[in-house]
C-alpha atoms as a PDB file:
ATOM      1  CA  UNK A   1      27.259 -33.254 -27.809  1.00  0.00           C
ATOM      2  CA  UNK A   2      29.019 -34.428 -24.560  1.00  0.00           C
ATOM      3  CA  UNK A   3      28.047 -33.298 -21.161  1.00  0.00           C
ATOM      4  CA  UNK A   4      31.395 -31.445 -20.636  1.00  0.00           C
ATOM      5  CA  UNK A   5      30.958 -29.491 -23.897  1.00  0.00           C
ATOM      6  CA  UNK A   6      27.349 -28.726 -23.132  1.00  0.00           C
ATOM      7  CA  UNK A   7      28.232 -27.422 -19.642  1.00  0.00           C
ATOM      8  CA  UNK A   8      31.060 -25.238 -21.089  1.00  0.00           C
ATOM      9  CA  UNK A   9      28.644 -23.981 -23.756  1.00  0.00           C
ATOM     10  CA  UNK A  10      26.070 -23.187 -20.993  1.00  0.00           C
ATOM     11  CA  UNK A  11      28.747 -21.367 -19.009  1.00  0.00           C
ATOM     12  CA  UNK A  12      29.750 -19.365 -22.045  1.00  0.00           C
ATOM     13  CA  UNK A  13      26.112 -18.473 -22.764  1.00  0.00           C
ATOM     14  CA  UNK A  14      25.413 -17.390 -19.172  1.00  0.00           C
ATOM     15  CA  UNK A  15      28.491 -15.323 -19.135  1.00  0.00           C
ATOM     16  CA  UNK A  16      27.614 -13.759 -22.425  1.00  0.00           C
ATOM     17  CA  UNK A  17      24.061 -13.149 -21.386  1.00  0.00           C
ATOM     18  CA  UNK A  18      25.197 -11.533 -18.066  1.00  0.00           C
ATOM     19  CA  UNK A  19      27.486  -9.280 -19.950  1.00  0.00           C
ATOM     20  CA  UNK A  20      24.878  -8.372 -22.648  1.00  0.00           C
ATOM     21  CA  UNK A  21      21.998  -7.933 -20.064  1.00  0.00           C
ATOM     22  CA  UNK A  22      24.260  -6.058 -17.727  1.00  0.00           C
ATOM     23  CA  UNK A  23      25.209  -3.424 -20.222  1.00  0.00           C
ATOM     24  CA  UNK A  24      21.568  -3.269 -21.480  1.00  0.00           C
ATOM     25  CA  UNK A  25      22.374  -3.776 -25.067  1.00  0.00           C
ATOM     26  CA  UNK A  26      19.465  -3.720 -27.466  1.00  0.00           C
ATOM     27  CA  UNK A  27      19.487  -3.347 -31.239  1.00  0.00           C
ATOM     28  CA  UNK A  28      18.021  -0.039 -32.168  1.00  0.00           C
ATOM     29  CA  UNK A  29      15.320  -1.336 -34.357  1.00  0.00           C
ATOM     30  CA  UNK A  30      15.218  -4.775 -33.136  1.00  0.00           C
ATOM     31  CA  UNK A  31      12.200  -7.143 -33.303  1.00  0.00           C
ATOM     32  CA  UNK A  32      11.576  -9.674 -30.605  1.00  0.00           C
ATOM     33  CA  UNK A  33      13.652 -12.394 -32.305  1.00  0.00           C
ATOM     34  CA  UNK A  34      16.876 -10.306 -32.330  1.00  0.00           C
ATOM     35  CA  UNK A  35      16.921  -9.249 -28.698  1.00  0.00           C
ATOM     36  CA  UNK A  36      20.010  -9.843 -26.719  1.00  0.00           C
ATOM     37  CA  UNK A  37      18.681 -11.629 -23.631  1.00  0.00           C
ATOM     38  CA  UNK A  38      16.442 -14.526 -22.658  1.00  0.00           C
ATOM     39  CA  UNK A  39      13.851 -13.791 -25.371  1.00  0.00           C
ATOM     40  CA  UNK A  40      16.264 -14.344 -28.243  1.00  0.00           C
ATOM     41  CA  UNK A  41      15.355 -17.229 -30.388  1.00  0.00           C
ATOM     42  CA  UNK A  42      18.799 -18.897 -30.145  1.00  0.00           C
ATOM     43  CA  UNK A  43      18.702 -18.634 -26.319  1.00  0.00           C
ATOM     44  CA  UNK A  44      15.180 -20.241 -26.299  1.00  0.00           C
ATOM     45  CA  UNK A  45      16.285 -23.023 -28.569  1.00  0.00           C
ATOM     46  CA  UNK A  46      19.188 -23.757 -26.393  1.00  0.00           C
ATOM     47  CA  UNK A  47      16.926 -23.876 -23.238  1.00  0.00           C
ATOM     48  CA  UNK A  48      14.682 -26.196 -24.890  1.00  0.00           C
ATOM     49  CA  UNK A  49      17.360 -28.657 -25.583  1.00  0.00           C
ATOM     50  CA  UNK A  50      19.553 -28.297 -22.422  1.00  0.00           C
ATOM     51  CA  UNK A  51      18.233 -29.933 -19.217  1.00  0.00           C
ATOM     52  CA  UNK A  52      20.677 -28.096 -16.921  1.00  0.00           C
ATOM     53  CA  UNK A  53      19.521 -24.645 -18.252  1.00  0.00           C
ATOM     54  CA  UNK A  54      15.911 -25.839 -17.945  1.00  0.00           C
ATOM     55  CA  UNK A  55      16.479 -26.732 -14.313  1.00  0.00           C
ATOM     56  CA  UNK A  56      18.206 -23.294 -13.707  1.00  0.00           C
ATOM     57  CA  UNK A  57      15.435 -21.423 -15.354  1.00  0.00           C
ATOM     58  CA  UNK A  58      12.736 -23.422 -13.448  1.00  0.00           C
ATOM     59  CA  UNK A  59      14.530 -22.629 -10.109  1.00  0.00           C
ATOM     60  CA  UNK A  60      14.593 -18.884 -11.004  1.00  0.00           C
ATOM     61  CA  UNK A  61      10.871 -19.158 -11.732  1.00  0.00           C
ATOM     62  CA  UNK A  62      10.309 -20.835  -8.268  1.00  0.00           C
ATOM     63  CA  UNK A  63      12.328 -18.055  -6.497  1.00  0.00           C
ATOM     64  CA  UNK A  64      10.216 -15.354  -8.359  1.00  0.00           C
ATOM     65  CA  UNK A  65       6.984 -17.164  -7.427  1.00  0.00           C
ATOM     66  CA  UNK A  66       8.047 -17.453  -3.794  1.00  0.00           C
ATOM     67  CA  UNK A  67       9.109 -13.805  -3.648  1.00  0.00           C
ATOM     68  CA  UNK A  68       5.750 -12.788  -5.060  1.00  0.00           C
ATOM     69  CA  UNK A  69       3.901 -14.950  -2.574  1.00  0.00           C
ATOM     70  CA  UNK A  70       5.959 -13.401   0.307  1.00  0.00           C
ATOM     71  CA  UNK A  71       5.179  -9.974  -0.946  1.00  0.00           C
ATOM     72  CA  UNK A  72       1.482 -10.587  -1.025  1.00  0.00           C
ATOM     73  CA  UNK A  73       1.144 -11.879   2.575  1.00  0.00           C
ATOM     74  CA  UNK A  74       1.136  -9.689   5.634  1.00  0.00           C
ATOM     75  CA  UNK A  75       4.065 -10.140   7.943  1.00  0.00           C
ATOM     76  CA  UNK A  76       4.950  -9.493  11.525  1.00  0.00           C
ATOM     77  CA  UNK A  77       7.285  -6.696  12.374  1.00  0.00           C
ATOM     78  CA  UNK A  78       9.936  -9.164  13.387  1.00  0.00           C
ATOM     79  CA  UNK A  79      10.389 -10.393   9.840  1.00  0.00           C
ATOM     80  CA  UNK A  80      13.341  -7.956   9.308  1.00  0.00           C
ATOM     81  CA  UNK A  81      14.879  -9.201  12.478  1.00  0.00           C
ATOM     82  CA  UNK A  82      14.583 -12.895  11.589  1.00  0.00           C
ATOM     83  CA  UNK A  83      15.904 -12.271   7.958  1.00  0.00           C
ATOM     84  CA  UNK A  84      18.836 -10.364   9.364  1.00  0.00           C
ATOM     85  CA  UNK A  85      19.590 -13.131  11.848  1.00  0.00           C
ATOM     86  CA  UNK A  86      19.480 -15.760   8.980  1.00  0.00           C
ATOM     87  CA  UNK A  87      21.743 -13.561   6.791  1.00  0.00           C
ATOM     88  CA  UNK A  88      24.197 -12.968   9.581  1.00  0.00           C
ATOM     89  CA  UNK A  89      24.344 -16.655  10.293  1.00  0.00           C
ATOM     90  CA  UNK A  90      26.017 -17.265   6.930  1.00  0.00           C
ATOM     91  CA  UNK A  91      28.834 -14.650   7.453  1.00  0.00           C
ATOM     92  CA  UNK A  92      32.238 -15.411   8.661  1.00  0.00           C
ATOM     93  CA  UNK A  93      32.611 -15.725  12.429  1.00  0.00           C
ATOM     94  CA  UNK A  94      34.523 -12.566  12.829  1.00  0.00           C
ATOM     95  CA  UNK A  95      31.767 -10.592  10.955  1.00  0.00           C
ATOM     96  CA  UNK A  96      29.048 -12.304  13.007  1.00  0.00           C
ATOM     97  CA  UNK A  97      30.365 -10.931  16.258  1.00  0.00           C
ATOM     98  CA  UNK A  98      30.777  -7.351  14.973  1.00  0.00           C
ATOM     99  CA  UNK A  99      28.729  -4.574  16.825  1.00  0.00           C
ATOM    100  CA  UNK A 100      26.802  -3.741  13.615  1.00  0.00           C
ATOM    101  CA  UNK A 101      25.875  -7.333  13.280  1.00  0.00           C
ATOM    102  CA  UNK A 102      24.536  -7.374  16.684  1.00  0.00           C
ATOM    103  CA  UNK A 103      22.472  -4.301  15.967  1.00  0.00           C
ATOM    104  CA  UNK A 104      21.107  -5.965  12.769  1.00  0.00           C
ATOM    105  CA  UNK A 105      20.019  -9.043  14.681  1.00  0.00           C
ATOM    106  CA  UNK A 106      17.608  -6.973  16.825  1.00  0.00           C
ATOM    107  CA  UNK A 107      16.551  -4.415  14.240  1.00  0.00           C
ATOM    108  CA  UNK A 108      12.888  -4.041  13.778  1.00  0.00           C
ATOM    109  CA  UNK A 109      11.244  -1.776  11.144  1.00  0.00           C
ATOM    110  CA  UNK A 110       9.423   1.250  12.356  1.00  0.00           C
ATOM    111  CA  UNK A 111       5.854   1.346  11.016  1.00  0.00           C
ATOM    112  CA  UNK A 112       4.882   4.460   9.150  1.00  0.00           C
ATOM    113  CA  UNK A 113       2.792   7.079  10.904  1.00  0.00           C
ATOM    114  CA  UNK A 114      -0.376   6.008   8.966  1.00  0.00           C
ATOM    115  CA  UNK A 115       0.201   2.400   9.954  1.00  0.00           C
ATOM    116  CA  UNK A 116       0.612   3.294  13.607  1.00  0.00           C
ATOM    117  CA  UNK A 117      -2.499   5.309  13.647  1.00  0.00           C
ATOM    118  CA  UNK A 118      -4.677   2.949  11.419  1.00  0.00           C
ATOM    119  CA  UNK A 119      -6.022   1.168  14.559  1.00  0.00           C
ATOM    120  CA  UNK A 120      -7.592   4.503  15.633  1.00  0.00           C
ATOM    121  CA  UNK A 121      -9.333   5.158  12.343  1.00  0.00           C
ATOM    122  CA  UNK A 122     -12.578   3.346  13.036  1.00  0.00           C
ATOM    123  CA  UNK A 123     -13.102   4.813  16.558  1.00  0.00           C
ATOM    124  CA  UNK A 124     -12.139   8.347  15.233  1.00  0.00           C
ATOM    125  CA  UNK A 125     -14.667   7.945  12.403  1.00  0.00           C
ATOM    126  CA  UNK A 126     -17.343   7.001  14.856  1.00  0.00           C
ATOM    127  CA  UNK A 127     -16.517   9.990  17.094  1.00  0.00           C
ATOM    128  CA  UNK A 128     -16.630  12.324  14.216  1.00  0.00           C
ATOM    129  CA  UNK A 129     -20.005  10.957  13.063  1.00  0.00           C
ATOM    130  CA  UNK A 130     -21.462  11.349  16.555  1.00  0.00           C
ATOM    131  CA  UNK A 131     -20.204  14.951  16.868  1.00  0.00           C
ATOM    132  CA  UNK A 132     -21.641  15.738  13.353  1.00  0.00           C
ATOM    133  CA  UNK A 133     -25.042  14.261  14.445  1.00  0.00           C
ATOM    134  CA  UNK A 134     -24.988  16.270  17.633  1.00  0.00           C
ATOM    135  CA  UNK A 135     -24.196  19.473  15.769  1.00  0.00           C
ATOM    136  CA  UNK A 136     -26.877  18.813  13.262  1.00  0.00           C
ATOM    137  CA  UNK A 137     -29.387  18.042  16.010  1.00  0.00           C
ATOM    138  CA  UNK A 138     -28.501  21.214  17.889  1.00  0.00           C
ATOM    139  CA  UNK A 139     -28.831  23.263  14.745  1.00  0.00           C
ATOM    140  CA  UNK A 140     -32.143  21.615  13.995  1.00  0.00           C
ATOM    141  CA  UNK A 141     -33.459  22.173  17.435  1.00  0.00           C
ATOM    142  CA  UNK A 142     -32.509  25.876  17.474  1.00  0.00           C
ATOM    143  CA  UNK A 143     -33.913  26.399  14.061  1.00  0.00           C
ATOM    144  CA  UNK A 144     -37.189  24.708  15.187  1.00  0.00           C
ATOM    145  CA  UNK A 145     -37.281  26.828  18.352  1.00  0.00           C
ATOM    146  CA  UNK A 146     -36.820  30.021  16.398  1.00  0.00           C
ATOM    147  CA  UNK A 147     -39.389  28.928  13.816  1.00  0.00           C
ATOM    148  CA  UNK A 148     -41.815  27.952  16.745  1.00  0.00           C
ATOM    149  CA  UNK A 149     -41.287  31.311  18.445  1.00  0.00           C
ATOM    150  CA  UNK A 150     -41.937  33.315  15.148  1.00  0.00           C
ATOM    151  CA  UNK A 151     -45.088  31.356  14.446  1.00  0.00           C
ATOM    152  CA  UNK A 152     -46.210  31.682  18.033  1.00  0.00           C
ATOM    153  CA  UNK A 153     -45.861  35.481  17.858  1.00  0.00           C
ATOM    154  CA  UNK A 154     -47.750  35.563  14.606  1.00  0.00           C
ATOM    155  CA  UNK A 155     -50.664  33.504  16.170  1.00  0.00           C
ATOM    156  CA  UNK A 156     -50.759  35.847  19.174  1.00  0.00           C
ATOM    157  CA  UNK A 157     -50.527  38.917  16.997  1.00  0.00           C
ATOM    158  CA  UNK A 158     -53.458  37.541  14.834  1.00  0.00           C
ATOM    159  CA  UNK A 159     -55.460  36.827  17.996  1.00  0.00           C
ATOM    160  CA  UNK A 160     -55.046  40.353  19.343  1.00  0.00           C
ATOM    161  CA  UNK A 161     -55.808  41.677  15.795  1.00  0.00           C
ATOM    162  CA  UNK A 162     -59.158  39.867  15.664  1.00  0.00           C
ATOM    163  CA  UNK A 163     -60.097  40.571  19.359  1.00  0.00           C
ATOM    164  CA  UNK A 164     -58.744  43.906  20.107  1.00  0.00           C
ATOM    165  CA  UNK A 165     -58.102  45.430  16.652  1.00  0.00           C
ATOM    166  CA  UNK A 166     -55.244  45.698  14.256  1.00  0.00           C
ATOM    167  CA  UNK A 167     -53.950  48.973  15.601  1.00  0.00           C
ATOM    168  CA  UNK A 168     -53.589  47.474  19.203  1.00  0.00           C
ATOM    169  CA  UNK A 169     -51.899  44.387  17.788  1.00  0.00           C
ATOM    170  CA  UNK A 170     -49.472  46.506  15.782  1.00  0.00           C
ATOM    171  CA  UNK A 171     -48.750  48.621  18.876  1.00  0.00           C
ATOM    172  CA  UNK A 172     -48.152  45.595  21.144  1.00  0.00           C
ATOM    173  CA  UNK A 173     -45.873  43.662  18.660  1.00  0.00           C
ATOM    174  CA  UNK A 174     -43.911  46.608  17.051  1.00  0.00           C
ATOM    175  CA  UNK A 175     -41.313  46.642  19.841  1.00  0.00           C
END
């Protein structure tokens, strides 16, 4: 097969695949070998024998890999501004100078509310823990003081009961 015939065949296959995938055609009870798309056996056979399609498929894989790497890394807030500036740079000159293009060149994404307040999460957690500890200490101290007072009264009442008699102790501590 000549190079020109192979290129025409590749072009026809790409056009047909675009049309088939674009309309999302699938055979109703199709198995994997009869899919209309990149998984079809005849498409895989063609890719295996066509260097041009292999290069195209490899470049698509590289783009997908690069996009997944970009997604997984944290970026500065000026990434949108830089991407817009690069995209505007390839437009026609008249479009580059449009007011909307100038706005896009300096556009920066607004971080979400949670992202803006995330830097305060650790100090707020520390403050909440300190307040909780103080409240528990206060409750413990007052509980201990009440318990101490009650036990102290019982000891004094017992002292008066043994020294002056039970009726005097009951009369003194009944009020």
